[in-house]
Amino acid sequence: MTAQQLKTNALNNTLGAALLLFGALLSCARLATATEHVSGMWNLYGAEALGMLPATGLAAARVLQSLTLDPAGAASVALQFLLSCWPVAAIFLGAILLRRNFAQALTMQSGPSGDARENSSGLRGERS
């Protein structure tokens, strides 16, 4: 490996790990916030919170009806939903940047049998 390849691999490792950690922390924080809201509602309303489930179902049906009848609104809602999932996208980008190192670690663990070794062209398969 040349010095440029080593530098690129190190940069990919650092950036991938940072994105993975950042996305995981943000996802965890969002889940904690959602759990806090649900538990706050349960503490506020107690057993009456179960009575809110039919109202929630009716509201969801109304939203589905409006999305079905207004395709432009459906595209806007889909865009908002995808934007709200950006921490998961950061996790995926981090995993993509780290995939080469994961593959190399797995090939090193395969041992002397050579079952999953990389050939000289960098592709998995038979040895050249």
N, C-alpha and C. Protein backbone atom coordinates (compact mmCIF):
# COMPACT_ATOMS: atom_id res chain seq x y z
N MET A 1 0.83 -1.18 0.00
CA MET A 1 0.00 0.00 0.00
C MET A 1 0.87 1.24 0.00
N THR A 2 0.44 2.21 -0.76
CA THR A 2 1.19 3.45 -0.80
C THR A 2 0.79 4.35 0.36
N ALA A 3 1.55 5.39 0.55
CA ALA A 3 1.27 6.32 1.64
C ALA A 3 -0.07 7.02 1.43
N GLN A 4 -0.39 7.30 0.16
CA GLN A 4 -1.68 7.95 -0.14
C GLN A 4 -2.84 7.03 0.21
N GLN A 5 -2.72 5.73 -0.08
CA GLN A 5 -3.78 4.78 0.26
C GLN A 5 -3.92 4.63 1.77
N LEU A 6 -2.80 4.61 2.47
CA LEU A 6 -2.86 4.51 3.92
C LEU A 6 -3.52 5.75 4.53
N LYS A 7 -3.20 6.92 3.99
CA LYS A 7 -3.80 8.16 4.49
C LYS A 7 -5.31 8.16 4.22
N THR A 8 -5.71 7.70 3.02
CA THR A 8 -7.14 7.64 2.68
C THR A 8 -7.86 6.66 3.58
N ASN A 9 -7.25 5.49 3.84
CA ASN A 9 -7.88 4.51 4.72
C ASN A 9 -8.01 5.05 6.14
N ALA A 10 -7.00 5.74 6.63
CA ALA A 10 -7.07 6.31 7.97
C ALA A 10 -8.15 7.38 8.06
N LEU A 11 -8.26 8.20 7.00
CA LEU A 11 -9.29 9.23 6.98
C LEU A 11 -10.68 8.60 6.93
N ASN A 12 -10.84 7.55 6.11
CA ASN A 12 -12.13 6.85 6.04
C ASN A 12 -12.49 6.22 7.38
N ASN A 13 -11.50 5.64 8.06
CA ASN A 13 -11.75 5.04 9.36
C ASN A 13 -12.20 6.08 10.37
N THR A 14 -11.50 7.19 10.41
CA THR A 14 -11.84 8.23 11.38
C THR A 14 -13.21 8.83 11.09
N LEU A 15 -13.44 9.18 9.83
CA LEU A 15 -14.72 9.78 9.46
C LEU A 15 -15.87 8.78 9.64
N GLY A 16 -15.65 7.53 9.27
CA GLY A 16 -16.68 6.51 9.43
C GLY A 16 -17.04 6.28 10.88
N ALA A 17 -16.03 6.17 11.73
CA ALA A 17 -16.30 5.97 13.16
C ALA A 17 -17.00 7.18 13.76
N ALA A 18 -16.60 8.38 13.35
CA ALA A 18 -17.24 9.59 13.87
C ALA A 18 -18.70 9.66 13.45
N LEU A 19 -18.99 9.36 12.17
CA LEU A 19 -20.37 9.38 11.70
C LEU A 19 -21.21 8.31 12.39
N LEU A 20 -20.62 7.13 12.56
CA LEU A 20 -21.33 6.05 13.23
C LEU A 20 -21.68 6.43 14.66
N LEU A 21 -20.73 6.98 15.37
CA LEU A 21 -20.96 7.37 16.75
C LEU A 21 -21.95 8.54 16.84
N PHE A 22 -21.79 9.53 15.98
CA PHE A 22 -22.67 10.69 15.98
C PHE A 22 -24.12 10.28 15.69
N GLY A 23 -24.32 9.45 14.68
CA GLY A 23 -25.67 8.98 14.34
C GLY A 23 -26.27 8.14 15.45
N ALA A 24 -25.46 7.29 16.07
CA ALA A 24 -25.97 6.46 17.15
C ALA A 24 -26.37 7.30 18.36
N LEU A 25 -25.56 8.30 18.69
CA LEU A 25 -25.89 9.17 19.82
C LEU A 25 -27.17 9.97 19.56
N LEU A 26 -27.31 10.50 18.35
CA LEU A 26 -28.52 11.25 18.03
C LEU A 26 -29.75 10.36 18.01
N SER A 27 -29.62 9.15 17.49
CA SER A 27 -30.76 8.22 17.49
C SER A 27 -31.14 7.85 18.91
N CYS A 28 -30.16 7.63 19.76
CA CYS A 28 -30.43 7.31 21.16
C CYS A 28 -31.12 8.48 21.86
N ALA A 29 -30.67 9.68 21.57
CA ALA A 29 -31.29 10.86 22.18
C ALA A 29 -32.73 11.03 21.72
N ARG A 30 -33.00 10.76 20.45
CA ARG A 30 -34.37 10.86 19.94
C ARG A 30 -35.27 9.81 20.58
N LEU A 31 -34.74 8.59 20.73
CA LEU A 31 -35.53 7.54 21.39
C LEU A 31 -35.80 7.88 22.84
N ALA A 32 -34.82 8.44 23.51
CA ALA A 32 -35.01 8.83 24.91
C ALA A 32 -36.06 9.93 25.03
N THR A 33 -36.04 10.88 24.09
CA THR A 33 -37.04 11.95 24.10
C THR A 33 -38.44 11.41 23.85
N ALA A 34 -38.56 10.50 22.88
CA ALA A 34 -39.87 9.91 22.59
C ALA A 34 -40.39 9.11 23.78
N THR A 35 -39.51 8.36 24.42
CA THR A 35 -39.91 7.59 25.60
C THR A 35 -40.34 8.52 26.72
N GLU A 36 -39.64 9.62 26.87
CA GLU A 36 -40.00 10.59 27.90
C GLU A 36 -41.37 11.21 27.65
N HIS A 37 -41.68 11.49 26.37
CA HIS A 37 -42.99 12.04 26.04
C HIS A 37 -44.11 11.04 26.34
N VAL A 38 -43.88 9.78 25.98
CA VAL A 38 -44.90 8.76 26.22
C VAL A 38 -45.10 8.55 27.71
N SER A 39 -44.01 8.47 28.46
CA SER A 39 -44.16 8.27 29.91
C SER A 39 -44.77 9.51 30.57
N GLY A 40 -44.48 10.70 30.06
CA GLY A 40 -45.09 11.91 30.59
C GLY A 40 -46.59 11.92 30.34
N MET A 41 -46.99 11.45 29.15
CA MET A 41 -48.43 11.38 28.86
C MET A 41 -49.10 10.36 29.79
N TRP A 42 -48.44 9.24 30.01
CA TRP A 42 -49.00 8.22 30.89
C TRP A 42 -49.11 8.75 32.33
N ASN A 43 -48.09 9.47 32.78
CA ASN A 43 -48.14 10.03 34.14
C ASN A 43 -49.20 11.12 34.26
N LEU A 44 -49.40 11.89 33.20
CA LEU A 44 -50.36 12.99 33.23
C LEU A 44 -51.80 12.49 33.20
N TYR A 45 -52.06 11.53 32.32
CA TYR A 45 -53.43 11.08 32.13
C TYR A 45 -53.75 9.77 32.83
N GLY A 46 -52.75 9.01 33.19
CA GLY A 46 -52.97 7.73 33.87
C GLY A 46 -53.74 6.76 33.00
N ALA A 47 -54.77 6.16 33.56
CA ALA A 47 -55.56 5.16 32.84
C ALA A 47 -56.35 5.79 31.70
N GLU A 48 -56.58 7.08 31.75
CA GLU A 48 -57.31 7.75 30.67
C GLU A 48 -56.49 7.79 29.38
N ALA A 49 -55.18 7.55 29.47
CA ALA A 49 -54.33 7.56 28.28
C ALA A 49 -54.73 6.46 27.31
N LEU A 50 -55.25 5.34 27.83
CA LEU A 50 -55.71 4.26 26.95
C LEU A 50 -56.91 4.70 26.12
N GLY A 51 -57.70 5.63 26.66
CA GLY A 51 -58.83 6.15 25.90
C GLY A 51 -58.41 7.03 24.74
N MET A 52 -57.16 7.44 24.73
CA MET A 52 -56.66 8.27 23.63
C MET A 52 -56.28 7.42 22.42
N LEU A 53 -56.15 6.11 22.58
CA LEU A 53 -55.77 5.26 21.46
C LEU A 53 -56.78 5.28 20.32
N PRO A 54 -58.10 5.17 20.57
CA PRO A 54 -59.04 5.27 19.45
C PRO A 54 -58.96 6.63 18.74
N ALA A 55 -58.77 7.68 19.50
CA ALA A 55 -58.66 9.01 18.89
C ALA A 55 -57.40 9.09 18.03
N THR A 56 -56.33 8.45 18.48
CA THR A 56 -55.10 8.43 17.69
C THR A 56 -55.31 7.64 16.40
N GLY A 57 -56.03 6.54 16.48
CA GLY A 57 -56.34 5.75 15.29
C GLY A 57 -57.18 6.54 14.30
N LEU A 58 -58.17 7.26 14.79
CA LEU A 58 -59.00 8.08 13.90
C LEU A 58 -58.19 9.21 13.26
N ALA A 59 -57.29 9.80 14.01
CA ALA A 59 -56.44 10.86 13.46
C ALA A 59 -55.51 10.29 12.39
N ALA A 60 -54.99 9.09 12.61
CA ALA A 60 -54.12 8.46 11.62
C ALA A 60 -54.90 8.14 10.35
N ALA A 61 -56.16 7.71 10.49
CA ALA A 61 -56.99 7.45 9.31
C ALA A 61 -57.25 8.73 8.54
N ARG A 62 -57.46 9.82 9.25
CA ARG A 62 -57.68 11.11 8.60
C ARG A 62 -56.44 11.58 7.85
N VAL A 63 -55.27 11.38 8.45
CA VAL A 63 -54.02 11.73 7.77
C VAL A 63 -53.83 10.88 6.52
N LEU A 64 -54.10 9.58 6.61
CA LEU A 64 -53.98 8.69 5.46
C LEU A 64 -54.94 9.12 4.35
N GLN A 65 -56.16 9.52 4.72
CA GLN A 65 -57.13 9.98 3.73
C GLN A 65 -56.63 11.25 3.03
N SER A 66 -56.12 12.19 3.79
CA SER A 66 -55.65 13.43 3.16
C SER A 66 -54.41 13.19 2.30
N LEU A 67 -53.55 12.27 2.69
CA LEU A 67 -52.38 11.95 1.86
C LEU A 67 -52.79 11.26 0.56
N THR A 68 -53.83 10.45 0.62
CA THR A 68 -54.29 9.75 -0.56
C THR A 68 -54.93 10.72 -1.55
N LEU A 69 -55.66 11.69 -1.06
CA LEU A 69 -56.37 12.61 -1.94
C LEU A 69 -55.50 13.77 -2.42
N ASP A 70 -54.34 13.99 -1.81
CA ASP A 70 -53.46 15.10 -2.19
C ASP A 70 -52.04 14.57 -2.41
N PRO A 71 -51.71 14.15 -3.65
CA PRO A 71 -50.38 13.58 -3.91
C PRO A 71 -49.23 14.54 -3.64
N ALA A 72 -49.43 15.83 -3.88
CA ALA A 72 -48.35 16.80 -3.62
C ALA A 72 -48.08 16.88 -2.12
N GLY A 73 -49.13 16.83 -1.33
CA GLY A 73 -48.97 16.83 0.12
C GLY A 73 -48.28 15.56 0.60
N ALA A 74 -48.56 14.44 -0.08
CA ALA A 74 -47.93 13.17 0.28
C ALA A 74 -46.42 13.24 0.04
N ALA A 75 -46.02 13.86 -1.07
CA ALA A 75 -44.59 14.00 -1.34
C ALA A 75 -43.92 14.88 -0.29
N SER A 76 -44.60 15.94 0.12
CA SER A 76 -44.06 16.82 1.15
C SER A 76 -43.90 16.09 2.48
N VAL A 77 -44.90 15.29 2.84
CA VAL A 77 -44.83 14.53 4.09
C VAL A 77 -43.72 13.48 4.01
N ALA A 78 -43.58 12.83 2.86
CA ALA A 78 -42.52 11.84 2.70
C ALA A 78 -41.14 12.49 2.86
N LEU A 79 -40.98 13.68 2.29
CA LEU A 79 -39.71 14.40 2.43
C LEU A 79 -39.44 14.76 3.89
N GLN A 80 -40.47 15.23 4.59
CA GLN A 80 -40.30 15.56 6.01
C GLN A 80 -39.94 14.32 6.82
N PHE A 81 -40.55 13.19 6.49
CA PHE A 81 -40.25 11.95 7.20
C PHE A 81 -38.80 11.53 6.97
N LEU A 82 -38.36 11.61 5.72
CA LEU A 82 -36.97 11.24 5.42
C LEU A 82 -35.98 12.18 6.09
N LEU A 83 -36.32 13.46 6.17
CA LEU A 83 -35.42 14.40 6.85
C LEU A 83 -35.36 14.14 8.35
N SER A 84 -36.43 13.60 8.91
CA SER A 84 -36.42 13.31 10.34
C SER A 84 -35.58 12.07 10.65
N CYS A 85 -35.24 11.28 9.63
CA CYS A 85 -34.45 10.06 9.82
C CYS A 85 -32.98 10.27 9.49
N TRP A 86 -32.51 11.50 9.48
CA TRP A 86 -31.12 11.74 9.06
C TRP A 86 -30.08 11.14 10.01
N PRO A 87 -30.34 10.95 11.32
CA PRO A 87 -29.32 10.26 12.12
C PRO A 87 -29.07 8.82 11.66
N VAL A 88 -30.11 8.16 11.18
CA VAL A 88 -29.94 6.80 10.66
C VAL A 88 -29.10 6.84 9.38
N ALA A 89 -29.29 7.87 8.57
CA ALA A 89 -28.47 8.03 7.36
C ALA A 89 -27.00 8.23 7.74
N ALA A 90 -26.74 8.95 8.82
CA ALA A 90 -25.36 9.13 9.27
C ALA A 90 -24.76 7.80 9.71
N ILE A 91 -25.56 6.95 10.34
CA ILE A 91 -25.08 5.62 10.74
C ILE A 91 -24.73 4.80 9.50
N PHE A 92 -25.60 4.83 8.48
CA PHE A 92 -25.33 4.09 7.25
C PHE A 92 -24.07 4.60 6.54
N LEU A 93 -23.89 5.91 6.48
CA LEU A 93 -22.69 6.46 5.85
C LEU A 93 -21.43 6.04 6.60
N GLY A 94 -21.49 6.06 7.93
CA GLY A 94 -20.35 5.61 8.73
C GLY A 94 -20.03 4.15 8.48
N ALA A 95 -21.06 3.31 8.38
CA ALA A 95 -20.84 1.89 8.10
C ALA A 95 -20.27 1.68 6.71
N ILE A 96 -20.71 2.47 5.74
CA ILE A 96 -20.17 2.36 4.38
C ILE A 96 -18.69 2.73 4.37
N LEU A 97 -18.33 3.78 5.10
CA LEU A 97 -16.92 4.18 5.13
C LEU A 97 -16.05 3.15 5.85
N LEU A 98 -16.62 2.42 6.79
CA LEU A 98 -15.85 1.42 7.53
C LEU A 98 -15.90 0.02 6.93
N ARG A 99 -16.64 -0.17 5.85
CA ARG A 99 -16.86 -1.51 5.31
C ARG A 99 -15.57 -2.20 4.86
N ARG A 100 -14.64 -1.46 4.31
CA ARG A 100 -13.40 -2.07 3.83
C ARG A 100 -12.60 -2.65 5.01
N ASN A 101 -12.53 -1.92 6.11
CA ASN A 101 -11.79 -2.41 7.27
C ASN A 101 -12.49 -3.60 7.91
N PHE A 102 -13.83 -3.59 7.91
CA PHE A 102 -14.54 -4.75 8.43
C PHE A 102 -14.25 -5.97 7.57
N ALA A 103 -14.23 -5.79 6.25
CA ALA A 103 -13.95 -6.90 5.34
C ALA A 103 -12.52 -7.41 5.54
N GLN A 104 -11.56 -6.50 5.73
CA GLN A 104 -10.18 -6.92 5.94
C GLN A 104 -10.03 -7.65 7.26
N ALA A 105 -10.72 -7.21 8.29
CA ALA A 105 -10.64 -7.89 9.58
C ALA A 105 -11.23 -9.29 9.49
N LEU A 106 -12.29 -9.44 8.72
CA LEU A 106 -12.90 -10.76 8.57
C LEU A 106 -12.00 -11.70 7.78
N THR A 107 -11.31 -11.18 6.75
CA THR A 107 -10.44 -12.03 5.97
C THR A 107 -9.21 -12.45 6.78
N MET A 108 -8.75 -11.59 7.67
CA MET A 108 -7.61 -11.95 8.51
C MET A 108 -7.99 -13.02 9.53
N GLN A 109 -9.24 -13.02 9.97
CA GLN A 109 -9.70 -14.00 10.93
C GLN A 109 -9.97 -15.35 10.30
N SER A 110 -10.08 -15.39 8.97
CA SER A 110 -10.40 -16.65 8.32
C SER A 110 -9.25 -17.65 8.42
N GLY A 111 -8.05 -17.16 8.70
CA GLY A 111 -6.92 -18.04 8.96
C GLY A 111 -6.22 -18.52 7.72
N PRO A 112 -5.38 -19.57 7.88
CA PRO A 112 -4.54 -20.03 6.78
C PRO A 112 -5.29 -20.82 5.71
N SER A 113 -6.55 -21.15 5.92
CA SER A 113 -7.26 -21.95 4.93
C SER A 113 -7.49 -21.18 3.64
N GLY A 114 -7.56 -19.85 3.74
CA GLY A 114 -7.70 -19.03 2.54
C GLY A 114 -9.11 -18.99 2.00
N ASP A 115 -10.10 -19.34 2.79
CA ASP A 115 -11.47 -19.38 2.31
C ASP A 115 -11.97 -18.01 1.88
N ALA A 116 -11.62 -16.97 2.61
CA ALA A 116 -12.14 -15.65 2.31
C ALA A 116 -11.03 -14.65 2.03
N ARG A 117 -9.89 -15.11 1.52
CA ARG A 117 -8.78 -14.20 1.24
C ARG A 117 -9.04 -13.36 0.02
N GLU A 118 -8.42 -12.21 0.00
CA GLU A 118 -8.50 -11.33 -1.16
C GLU A 118 -7.33 -11.66 -2.09
N ASN A 119 -7.59 -11.62 -3.40
CA ASN A 119 -6.49 -11.84 -4.34
C ASN A 119 -5.78 -10.52 -4.62
N SER A 120 -4.83 -10.53 -5.50
CA SER A 120 -4.00 -9.34 -5.74
C SER A 120 -4.80 -8.18 -6.32
N SER A 121 -5.93 -8.45 -6.96
CA SER A 121 -6.73 -7.37 -7.52
C SER A 121 -7.65 -6.74 -6.48
N GLY A 122 -7.69 -7.30 -5.24
CA GLY A 122 -8.52 -6.73 -4.21
C GLY A 122 -9.91 -7.33 -4.14
N LEU A 123 -10.18 -8.31 -5.04
CA LEU A 123 -11.49 -8.94 -5.05
C LEU A 123 -11.45 -10.25 -4.28
N ARG A 124 -12.57 -10.58 -3.68
CA ARG A 124 -12.63 -11.82 -2.91
C ARG A 124 -12.82 -12.97 -3.90
N GLY A 125 -12.32 -14.11 -3.52
CA GLY A 125 -12.49 -15.27 -4.38
C GLY A 125 -11.24 -16.10 -4.40
N GLU A 126 -10.99 -16.72 -5.55
CA GLU A 126 -9.83 -17.60 -5.66
C GLU A 126 -8.54 -16.80 -5.63
N ARG A 127 -7.50 -17.47 -5.13
CA ARG A 127 -6.18 -16.82 -5.12
C ARG A 127 -5.60 -16.83 -6.51
N SER A 128 -4.81 -15.80 -6.80
CA SER A 128 -4.17 -15.75 -8.13
C SER A 128 -2.74 -16.24 -8.05
